[in-house]
Amino acid sequence: MARHAQQPLGAAAIFGLVGMLLVAGPTLVLLAAVGVAEFSPLSYAIFKGVWAGILAALLVLPMIIVALHDGLLQASTSPELAAKKS
């Protein structure tokens, strides 16, 4: 992932794949195993809110770490920073 951290589109694609594989897939399997065929509008809203909260909880820390790492890389290779050090 470090190689893609320098490219925001690459990092976004990786987070999208992680979300799809680790969250969406198991969610669909769980819903099928439980036998959920349809949701009422209220049940859907509650389910979607809980699901989105779990997804955010799982992905927000890695996103922050990637963004900070990218910022540190840019700062350490910045010509302005090198000029200030000398």
Protein backbone atom coordinates (compact mmCIF):
# COMPACT_ATOMS: atom_id res chain seq x y z
CA MET A 1 0.00 0.00 0.00
CA ALA A 2 2.93 2.37 0.59
CA ARG A 3 3.62 2.52 -3.15
CA HIS A 4 0.04 3.64 -3.82
CA ALA A 5 -0.01 6.10 -0.93
CA GLN A 6 1.76 8.66 -3.08
CA GLN A 7 -1.09 8.51 -5.58
CA PRO A 8 -4.47 9.42 -4.07
CA LEU A 9 -6.37 7.51 -6.77
CA GLY A 10 -4.37 4.35 -6.08
CA ALA A 11 -4.96 4.62 -2.34
CA ALA A 12 -8.68 5.22 -2.92
CA ALA A 13 -8.87 2.14 -5.15
CA ILE A 14 -7.20 0.02 -2.49
CA PHE A 15 -9.56 1.26 0.23
CA GLY A 16 -12.51 0.58 -2.08
CA LEU A 17 -11.34 -2.98 -2.69
CA VAL A 18 -10.72 -3.55 1.01
CA GLY A 19 -14.20 -2.28 1.82
CA MET A 20 -15.76 -4.42 -0.86
CA LEU A 21 -13.93 -7.62 0.05
CA LEU A 22 -13.81 -7.36 3.83
CA VAL A 23 -17.14 -5.68 4.54
CA ALA A 24 -19.61 -5.93 1.66
CA GLY A 25 -18.99 -9.59 0.84
CA PRO A 26 -19.36 -10.91 4.38
CA THR A 27 -22.41 -8.66 4.89
CA LEU A 28 -24.17 -10.18 1.90
CA VAL A 29 -23.24 -13.70 2.99
CA LEU A 30 -24.53 -13.01 6.50
CA LEU A 31 -27.80 -11.56 5.21
CA ALA A 32 -28.30 -14.59 2.93
CA ALA A 33 -27.47 -17.01 5.77
CA VAL A 34 -29.95 -15.32 8.09
CA GLY A 35 -32.57 -15.39 5.35
CA VAL A 36 -33.20 -11.68 4.93
CA ALA A 37 -35.07 -11.21 1.66
CA GLU A 38 -36.19 -7.59 2.00
CA PHE A 39 -36.11 -4.62 4.35
CA SER A 40 -38.83 -2.19 5.36
CA PRO A 41 -37.76 1.43 4.81
CA LEU A 42 -37.12 1.96 8.53
CA SER A 43 -35.19 -1.31 8.88
CA TYR A 44 -33.13 -0.44 5.82
CA ALA A 45 -32.28 3.02 7.19
CA ILE A 46 -31.20 1.56 10.54
CA PHE A 47 -29.21 -1.25 8.88
CA LYS A 48 -27.50 1.15 6.47
CA GLY A 49 -26.59 3.55 9.28
CA VAL A 50 -25.07 0.79 11.39
CA TRP A 51 -23.30 -0.72 8.37
CA ALA A 52 -21.83 2.64 7.30
CA GLY A 53 -20.69 3.33 10.87
CA ILE A 54 -18.89 -0.01 11.06
CA LEU A 55 -17.27 0.57 7.67
CA ALA A 56 -16.11 4.04 8.74
CA ALA A 57 -14.75 2.67 12.03
CA LEU A 58 -12.74 0.05 10.15
CA LEU A 59 -11.33 2.32 7.46
CA VAL A 60 -10.87 5.77 8.98
CA LEU A 61 -7.68 5.00 10.94
CA PRO A 62 -5.87 3.38 7.97
CA MET A 63 -6.95 6.32 5.77
CA ILE A 64 -5.51 8.80 8.25
CA ILE A 65 -2.27 6.85 8.50
CA VAL A 66 -1.89 6.74 4.71
CA ALA A 67 -2.62 10.45 4.43
CA LEU A 68 -0.13 11.35 7.17
CA HIS A 69 2.50 9.07 5.65
CA ASP A 70 1.97 10.73 2.27
CA GLY A 71 2.26 14.17 3.85
CA LEU A 72 5.48 13.20 5.62
CA LEU A 73 6.95 11.88 2.38
CA GLN A 74 6.10 15.10 0.58
CA ALA A 75 7.50 17.21 3.40
CA SER A 76 10.75 15.25 3.59
CA THR A 77 11.37 15.53 -0.16
CA SER A 78 10.24 19.15 -0.45
CA PRO A 79 12.87 21.48 -1.94
CA GLU A 80 11.61 24.27 0.34
CA LEU A 81 12.32 22.13 3.40
CA ALA A 82 15.79 21.25 2.14
CA ALA A 83 16.53 24.96 1.59
CA LYS A 84 15.42 25.81 5.14
CA LYS A 85 17.66 23.11 6.64
CA SER A 86 20.82 24.45 4.98
